[in-house]
Amino acid sequence: MTTISIIGSGNMATAIGTRAAKHGHTIEFMSRNAAKAQALAEQIGNGATVGAFGARPAGDIVIVAVLYAGAVDVVAHYGDALAGKILIDITNPFNADASGVVTTPGNSVSQQIAAAAPEGAHVVKAFNTIFGGVIAEDKAVDVFFAGDSAAAKAEVAAFVESLGMRPLDAGALEMAHALEWAGILLVGLAAHGAGFDIAMGAKVL
C-alpha cells in the first residue's frame, strides 16, 4: 500500500512493522544499530528494507519507536531530513517505577518532538496505549491519537484502519500528555490483575 519508515529496532518497532507488513505496507527500518535493523528486516520480509540512520526516510509516515529519553535527540539528529513528514510518537515517558510520567502538561514528549522537528513536519501521538504483544496479535483494537494537523491525523487514521484497528481522535497535540498518562493507566491495570494481553478502548452504549 505505502512505505512506512520506522526509526528504531526494538519491541514496538518489531510489533508495528510486522503488523504493517502483514497488511500490505512496505517497511523501512532505520536504527543506530544497522545490524539489528537488517536482521529485523530479514525476519519480517515482504520487501522490508533498511535505511541509513539520519538519512531522509522513504515513507511519508515516520514512526519514532525509540525510548522517550532519546526521542527528541533522534528527531533533532535527522533535522531537515524529516521536513514534510508525519512523525508518529509512540513513546511513554514513565518514571522509574511506572507510577507516573516525567512530563508535564504542555510539555509532552510529542510537543517536545514538535519543537525539535523541522518546518513542515507534523507530530501525531499514537500507539502508546497498546502493548506490543497485543499489536503483534493482529487484534482489532482501538488506537487513541492526538495531533494539531487535521491532514496528518487523517493520514494516520487511514494507516491505523489499514492495520485492522480503529482510530479514535483524542484532539489536539496538547492531549498527548493525557495519552501518556493513559499509558500509565494501562500498565497499572495490567500489573494489578488484568494481565498484559489487554487493550483500552471506547464503546458506544
C-alpha atoms as a PDB file:
ATOM      1  CA  MET A   1       0.000   0.000   0.000  1.00  0.00           C
ATOM      2  CA  THR A   2       2.619   2.518   1.068  1.00  0.00           C
ATOM      3  CA  THR A   3       6.051   2.751   2.646  1.00  0.00           C
ATOM      4  CA  ILE A   4       6.188   3.227   6.404  1.00  0.00           C
ATOM      5  CA  SER A   5       9.519   4.233   7.927  1.00  0.00           C
ATOM      6  CA  ILE A   6      10.289   3.182  11.494  1.00  0.00           C
ATOM      7  CA  ILE A   7      13.127   4.747  13.462  1.00  0.00           C
ATOM      8  CA  GLY A   8      14.161   2.091  15.958  1.00  0.00           C
ATOM      9  CA  SER A   9      14.551  -1.679  16.068  1.00  0.00           C
ATOM     10  CA  GLY A  10      13.135  -2.677  19.451  1.00  0.00           C
ATOM     11  CA  ASN A  11       9.995  -4.499  20.524  1.00  0.00           C
ATOM     12  CA  MET A  12       7.489  -1.852  19.421  1.00  0.00           C
ATOM     13  CA  ALA A  13       9.272  -1.313  16.101  1.00  0.00           C
ATOM     14  CA  THR A  14       9.078  -5.072  15.569  1.00  0.00           C
ATOM     15  CA  ALA A  15       5.405  -5.325  16.519  1.00  0.00           C
ATOM     16  CA  ILE A  16       4.224  -2.396  14.407  1.00  0.00           C
ATOM     17  CA  GLY A  17       6.498  -3.270  11.495  1.00  0.00           C
ATOM     18  CA  THR A  18       5.357  -6.886  11.455  1.00  0.00           C
ATOM     19  CA  ARG A  19       1.677  -5.952  11.549  1.00  0.00           C
ATOM     20  CA  ALA A  20       2.057  -3.244   8.905  1.00  0.00           C
ATOM     21  CA  ALA A  21       3.924  -5.603   6.574  1.00  0.00           C
ATOM     22  CA  LYS A  22       1.230  -8.243   7.053  1.00  0.00           C
ATOM     23  CA  HIS A  23      -1.349  -5.675   5.965  1.00  0.00           C
ATOM     24  CA  GLY A  24       0.456  -4.792   2.762  1.00  0.00           C
ATOM     25  CA  HIS A  25       2.792  -1.945   3.677  1.00  0.00           C
ATOM     26  CA  THR A  26       6.478  -1.799   2.788  1.00  0.00           C
ATOM     27  CA  ILE A  27       8.565  -1.229   5.904  1.00  0.00           C
ATOM     28  CA  GLU A  28      11.821   0.705   6.142  1.00  0.00           C
ATOM     29  CA  PHE A  29      13.784   0.333   9.378  1.00  0.00           C
ATOM     30  CA  MET A  30      16.277   2.998  10.426  1.00  0.00           C
ATOM     31  CA  SER A  31      18.362   2.363  13.525  1.00  0.00           C
ATOM     32  CA  ARG A  32      21.683   3.293  15.085  1.00  0.00           C
ATOM     33  CA  ASN A  33      22.212  -0.477  15.218  1.00  0.00           C
ATOM     34  CA  ALA A  34      22.277  -1.218  11.489  1.00  0.00           C
ATOM     35  CA  ALA A  35      22.909  -4.933  12.019  1.00  0.00           C
ATOM     36  CA  LYS A  36      19.848  -5.269  14.239  1.00  0.00           C
ATOM     37  CA  ALA A  37      17.746  -3.345  11.731  1.00  0.00           C
ATOM     38  CA  GLN A  38      18.935  -5.609   8.928  1.00  0.00           C
ATOM     39  CA  ALA A  39      18.117  -8.729  10.917  1.00  0.00           C
ATOM     40  CA  LEU A  40      14.676  -7.344  11.674  1.00  0.00           C
ATOM     41  CA  ALA A  41      14.022  -6.511   8.022  1.00  0.00           C
ATOM     42  CA  GLU A  42      15.027 -10.047   7.035  1.00  0.00           C
ATOM     43  CA  GLN A  43      12.818 -11.506   9.775  1.00  0.00           C
ATOM     44  CA  ILE A  44       9.773  -9.563   8.583  1.00  0.00           C
ATOM     45  CA  GLY A  45      10.454  -9.981   4.876  1.00  0.00           C
ATOM     46  CA  ASN A  46       7.744  -8.765   2.484  1.00  0.00           C
ATOM     47  CA  GLY A  47      10.197  -6.326   0.920  1.00  0.00           C
ATOM     48  CA  ALA A  48      11.255  -4.690   4.205  1.00  0.00           C
ATOM     49  CA  THR A  49      14.338  -2.518   3.774  1.00  0.00           C
ATOM     50  CA  VAL A  50      16.951  -0.773   5.900  1.00  0.00           C
ATOM     51  CA  GLY A  51      17.680   2.930   5.552  1.00  0.00           C
ATOM     52  CA  ALA A  52      20.714   4.802   6.813  1.00  0.00           C
ATOM     53  CA  PHE A  53      20.176   6.314  10.261  1.00  0.00           C
ATOM     54  CA  GLY A  54      19.802  10.058   9.816  1.00  0.00           C
ATOM     55  CA  ALA A  55      19.034   9.933   6.098  1.00  0.00           C
ATOM     56  CA  ARG A  56      15.716  11.093   4.648  1.00  0.00           C
ATOM     57  CA  PRO A  57      13.109   8.392   5.343  1.00  0.00           C
ATOM     58  CA  ALA A  58      11.405   6.807   2.355  1.00  0.00           C
ATOM     59  CA  GLY A  59       7.962   6.879   3.971  1.00  0.00           C
ATOM     60  CA  ASP A  60       5.692   9.877   4.375  1.00  0.00           C
ATOM     61  CA  ILE A  61       4.763   8.429   7.767  1.00  0.00           C
ATOM     62  CA  VAL A  62       7.727   8.026  10.120  1.00  0.00           C
ATOM     63  CA  ILE A  63       7.213   6.161  13.381  1.00  0.00           C
ATOM     64  CA  VAL A  64       9.555   7.290  16.149  1.00  0.00           C
ATOM     65  CA  ALA A  65       9.962   3.998  18.013  1.00  0.00           C
ATOM     66  CA  VAL A  66      12.816   4.762  20.389  1.00  0.00           C
ATOM     67  CA  LEU A  67      12.882   5.200  24.157  1.00  0.00           C
ATOM     68  CA  TYR A  68      11.368   8.507  25.226  1.00  0.00           C
ATOM     69  CA  ALA A  69      14.653   9.812  26.647  1.00  0.00           C
ATOM     70  CA  GLY A  70      16.266   9.747  23.210  1.00  0.00           C
ATOM     71  CA  ALA A  71      13.293  10.648  21.018  1.00  0.00           C
ATOM     72  CA  VAL A  72      13.869  14.401  20.836  1.00  0.00           C
ATOM     73  CA  ASP A  73      17.588  13.958  20.160  1.00  0.00           C
ATOM     74  CA  VAL A  74      16.823  11.496  17.365  1.00  0.00           C
ATOM     75  CA  VAL A  75      14.436  13.927  15.683  1.00  0.00           C
ATOM     76  CA  ALA A  76      16.969  16.737  16.068  1.00  0.00           C
ATOM     77  CA  HIS A  77      19.654  14.482  14.553  1.00  0.00           C
ATOM     78  CA  TYR A  78      17.506  13.845  11.471  1.00  0.00           C
ATOM     79  CA  GLY A  79      16.820  17.559  11.147  1.00  0.00           C
ATOM     80  CA  ASP A  80      15.627  18.687   7.726  1.00  0.00           C
ATOM     81  CA  ALA A  81      15.501  15.058   6.553  1.00  0.00           C
ATOM     82  CA  LEU A  82      12.108  14.948   8.300  1.00  0.00           C
ATOM     83  CA  ALA A  83      10.697  18.049   6.603  1.00  0.00           C
ATOM     84  CA  GLY A  84       7.197  17.373   5.318  1.00  0.00           C
ATOM     85  CA  LYS A  85       6.942  14.036   7.132  1.00  0.00           C
ATOM     86  CA  ILE A  86       4.275  12.857   9.569  1.00  0.00           C
ATOM     87  CA  LEU A  87       6.011  11.784  12.768  1.00  0.00           C
ATOM     88  CA  ILE A  88       4.155   9.293  14.947  1.00  0.00           C
ATOM     89  CA  ASP A  89       5.382   9.476  18.537  1.00  0.00           C
ATOM     90  CA  ILE A  90       4.718   6.188  20.331  1.00  0.00           C
ATOM     91  CA  THR A  91       6.791   6.915  23.436  1.00  0.00           C
ATOM     92  CA  ASN A  92       5.749   6.543  27.058  1.00  0.00           C
ATOM     93  CA  PRO A  93       7.774   8.795  29.407  1.00  0.00           C
ATOM     94  CA  PHE A  94       7.292   6.688  32.523  1.00  0.00           C
ATOM     95  CA  ASN A  95       9.181   7.468  35.707  1.00  0.00           C
ATOM     96  CA  ALA A  96      11.418   4.863  37.322  1.00  0.00           C
ATOM     97  CA  ASP A  97       8.667   2.787  38.944  1.00  0.00           C
ATOM     98  CA  ALA A  98       5.964   3.457  36.321  1.00  0.00           C
ATOM     99  CA  SER A  99       3.816   5.278  38.870  1.00  0.00           C
ATOM    100  CA  GLY A 100       3.666   8.437  36.780  1.00  0.00           C
ATOM    101  CA  VAL A 101       5.214  10.296  33.871  1.00  0.00           C
ATOM    102  CA  VAL A 102       8.202  12.629  33.812  1.00  0.00           C
ATOM    103  CA  THR A 103       6.488  15.121  31.516  1.00  0.00           C
ATOM    104  CA  THR A 104       4.128  17.960  32.461  1.00  0.00           C
ATOM    105  CA  PRO A 105       1.034  19.458  30.801  1.00  0.00           C
ATOM    106  CA  GLY A 106       2.099  21.406  27.741  1.00  0.00           C
ATOM    107  CA  ASN A 107       5.445  19.608  27.643  1.00  0.00           C
ATOM    108  CA  SER A 108       4.639  16.071  26.496  1.00  0.00           C
ATOM    109  CA  VAL A 109       7.266  14.172  24.540  1.00  0.00           C
ATOM    110  CA  SER A 110       5.156  14.775  21.428  1.00  0.00           C
ATOM    111  CA  GLN A 111       5.255  18.529  21.981  1.00  0.00           C
ATOM    112  CA  GLN A 112       8.997  18.398  22.590  1.00  0.00           C
ATOM    113  CA  ILE A 113       9.408  16.465  19.336  1.00  0.00           C
ATOM    114  CA  ALA A 114       7.259  19.009  17.507  1.00  0.00           C
ATOM    115  CA  ALA A 115       9.504  21.799  18.780  1.00  0.00           C
ATOM    116  CA  ALA A 116      12.612  19.965  17.543  1.00  0.00           C
ATOM    117  CA  ALA A 117      11.139  18.887  14.196  1.00  0.00           C
ATOM    118  CA  PRO A 118      11.787  20.866  11.004  1.00  0.00           C
ATOM    119  CA  GLU A 119       9.225  23.119   9.383  1.00  0.00           C
ATOM    120  CA  GLY A 120       6.514  21.194   7.581  1.00  0.00           C
ATOM    121  CA  ALA A 121       6.751  18.117   9.800  1.00  0.00           C
ATOM    122  CA  HIS A 122       3.644  17.191  11.791  1.00  0.00           C
ATOM    123  CA  VAL A 123       3.637  15.167  15.002  1.00  0.00           C
ATOM    124  CA  VAL A 124       0.856  12.763  15.974  1.00  0.00           C
ATOM    125  CA  LYS A 125       0.836  10.832  19.245  1.00  0.00           C
ATOM    126  CA  ALA A 126      -0.406   7.261  18.733  1.00  0.00           C
ATOM    127  CA  PHE A 127       0.104   3.599  19.671  1.00  0.00           C
ATOM    128  CA  ASN A 128       1.448   4.377  23.167  1.00  0.00           C
ATOM    129  CA  THR A 129      -1.652   2.925  24.861  1.00  0.00           C
ATOM    130  CA  ILE A 130      -1.255  -0.537  23.316  1.00  0.00           C
ATOM    131  CA  PHE A 131       1.170  -3.251  24.380  1.00  0.00           C
ATOM    132  CA  GLY A 132       3.475  -4.512  21.654  1.00  0.00           C
ATOM    133  CA  GLY A 133       2.279  -8.057  22.182  1.00  0.00           C
ATOM    134  CA  VAL A 134      -1.320  -7.036  21.527  1.00  0.00           C
ATOM    135  CA  ILE A 135      -0.293  -5.203  18.354  1.00  0.00           C
ATOM    136  CA  ALA A 136       1.561  -8.304  17.175  1.00  0.00           C
ATOM    137  CA  GLU A 137      -1.503 -10.495  17.745  1.00  0.00           C
ATOM    138  CA  ASP A 138      -3.290  -8.572  14.987  1.00  0.00           C
ATOM    139  CA  LYS A 139      -6.395  -7.987  17.084  1.00  0.00           C
ATOM    140  CA  ALA A 140      -8.971  -5.327  16.222  1.00  0.00           C
ATOM    141  CA  VAL A 141      -8.246  -2.817  18.987  1.00  0.00           C
ATOM    142  CA  ASP A 142      -8.694   0.931  19.390  1.00  0.00           C
ATOM    143  CA  VAL A 143      -5.845   3.361  18.764  1.00  0.00           C
ATOM    144  CA  PHE A 144      -6.108   6.726  20.502  1.00  0.00           C
ATOM    145  CA  PHE A 145      -4.231   9.537  18.766  1.00  0.00           C
ATOM    146  CA  ALA A 146      -3.748  13.290  19.022  1.00  0.00           C
ATOM    147  CA  GLY A 147      -2.230  15.994  16.844  1.00  0.00           C
ATOM    148  CA  ASP A 148      -2.592  19.547  15.607  1.00  0.00           C
ATOM    149  CA  SER A 149      -2.730  18.900  11.849  1.00  0.00           C
ATOM    150  CA  ALA A 150      -6.082  17.636  10.547  1.00  0.00           C
ATOM    151  CA  ALA A 151      -4.447  16.404   7.349  1.00  0.00           C
ATOM    152  CA  ALA A 152      -1.739  14.493   9.236  1.00  0.00           C
ATOM    153  CA  LYS A 153      -4.304  12.951  11.573  1.00  0.00           C
ATOM    154  CA  ALA A 154      -6.386  11.851   8.590  1.00  0.00           C
ATOM    155  CA  GLU A 155      -3.367  10.031   7.140  1.00  0.00           C
ATOM    156  CA  VAL A 156      -2.573   8.409  10.477  1.00  0.00           C
ATOM    157  CA  ALA A 157      -6.209   7.351  10.862  1.00  0.00           C
ATOM    158  CA  ALA A 158      -6.140   5.767   7.410  1.00  0.00           C
ATOM    159  CA  PHE A 159      -2.925   3.941   8.308  1.00  0.00           C
ATOM    160  CA  VAL A 160      -4.438   2.675  11.564  1.00  0.00           C
ATOM    161  CA  GLU A 161      -7.549   1.459   9.736  1.00  0.00           C
ATOM    162  CA  SER A 162      -5.352  -0.339   7.196  1.00  0.00           C
ATOM    163  CA  LEU A 163      -3.944  -2.362  10.110  1.00  0.00           C
ATOM    164  CA  GLY A 164      -7.402  -3.555  11.121  1.00  0.00           C
ATOM    165  CA  MET A 165      -7.552  -1.192  14.099  1.00  0.00           C
ATOM    166  CA  ARG A 166      -9.998   1.584  14.956  1.00  0.00           C
ATOM    167  CA  PRO A 167      -8.569   5.125  15.141  1.00  0.00           C
ATOM    168  CA  LEU A 168     -10.049   7.378  17.819  1.00  0.00           C
ATOM    169  CA  ASP A 169      -9.135  11.075  17.661  1.00  0.00           C
ATOM    170  CA  ALA A 170      -8.452  12.466  21.141  1.00  0.00           C
ATOM    171  CA  GLY A 171      -7.928  16.047  19.969  1.00  0.00           C
ATOM    172  CA  ALA A 172      -5.016  18.444  19.591  1.00  0.00           C
ATOM    173  CA  LEU A 173      -1.402  17.643  20.389  1.00  0.00           C
ATOM    174  CA  GLU A 174      -1.862  19.065  23.874  1.00  0.00           C
ATOM    175  CA  MET A 175      -3.819  15.871  24.580  1.00  0.00           C
ATOM    176  CA  ALA A 176      -0.609  13.870  24.157  1.00  0.00           C
ATOM    177  CA  HIS A 177       0.117  14.368  27.853  1.00  0.00           C
ATOM    178  CA  ALA A 178      -3.217  12.753  28.706  1.00  0.00           C
ATOM    179  CA  LEU A 179      -2.351   9.855  26.420  1.00  0.00           C
ATOM    180  CA  GLU A 180       0.981   9.472  28.222  1.00  0.00           C
ATOM    181  CA  TRP A 181      -0.964   9.118  31.474  1.00  0.00           C
ATOM    182  CA  ALA A 182      -3.273   6.656  29.743  1.00  0.00           C
ATOM    183  CA  GLY A 183      -0.193   4.530  29.172  1.00  0.00           C
ATOM    184  CA  ILE A 184       0.375   4.555  32.942  1.00  0.00           C
ATOM    185  CA  LEU A 185      -3.249   3.535  33.487  1.00  0.00           C
ATOM    186  CA  LEU A 186      -2.848   0.610  31.102  1.00  0.00           C
ATOM    187  CA  VAL A 187       0.285  -0.620  32.876  1.00  0.00           C
ATOM    188  CA  GLY A 188      -1.421  -0.241  36.246  1.00  0.00           C
ATOM    189  CA  LEU A 189      -4.383  -2.315  35.124  1.00  0.00           C
ATOM    190  CA  ALA A 190      -2.122  -4.962  33.626  1.00  0.00           C
ATOM    191  CA  ALA A 191       0.086  -5.210  36.690  1.00  0.00           C
ATOM    192  CA  HIS A 192      -2.828  -5.497  39.111  1.00  0.00           C
ATOM    193  CA  GLY A 193      -4.611  -8.483  37.701  1.00  0.00           C
ATOM    194  CA  ALA A 194      -5.846  -7.632  34.211  1.00  0.00           C
ATOM    195  CA  GLY A 195      -2.759  -9.057  32.527  1.00  0.00           C
ATOM    196  CA  PHE A 196      -0.609  -7.775  29.705  1.00  0.00           C
ATOM    197  CA  ASP A 197      -2.831  -9.039  26.907  1.00  0.00           C
ATOM    198  CA  ILE A 198      -5.429  -6.298  27.448  1.00  0.00           C
ATOM    199  CA  ALA A 199      -6.129  -3.151  25.483  1.00  0.00           C
ATOM    200  CA  MET A 200      -8.046   0.003  26.332  1.00  0.00           C
ATOM    201  CA  GLY A 201     -10.885   1.105  24.105  1.00  0.00           C
ATOM    202  CA  ALA A 202     -14.093   3.084  23.851  1.00  0.00           C
ATOM    203  CA  LYS A 203     -17.582   1.682  23.370  1.00  0.00           C
ATOM    204  CA  VAL A 204     -20.779   3.329  22.208  1.00  0.00           C
ATOM    205  CA  LEU A 205     -23.604   2.293  24.532  1.00  0.00           C
END
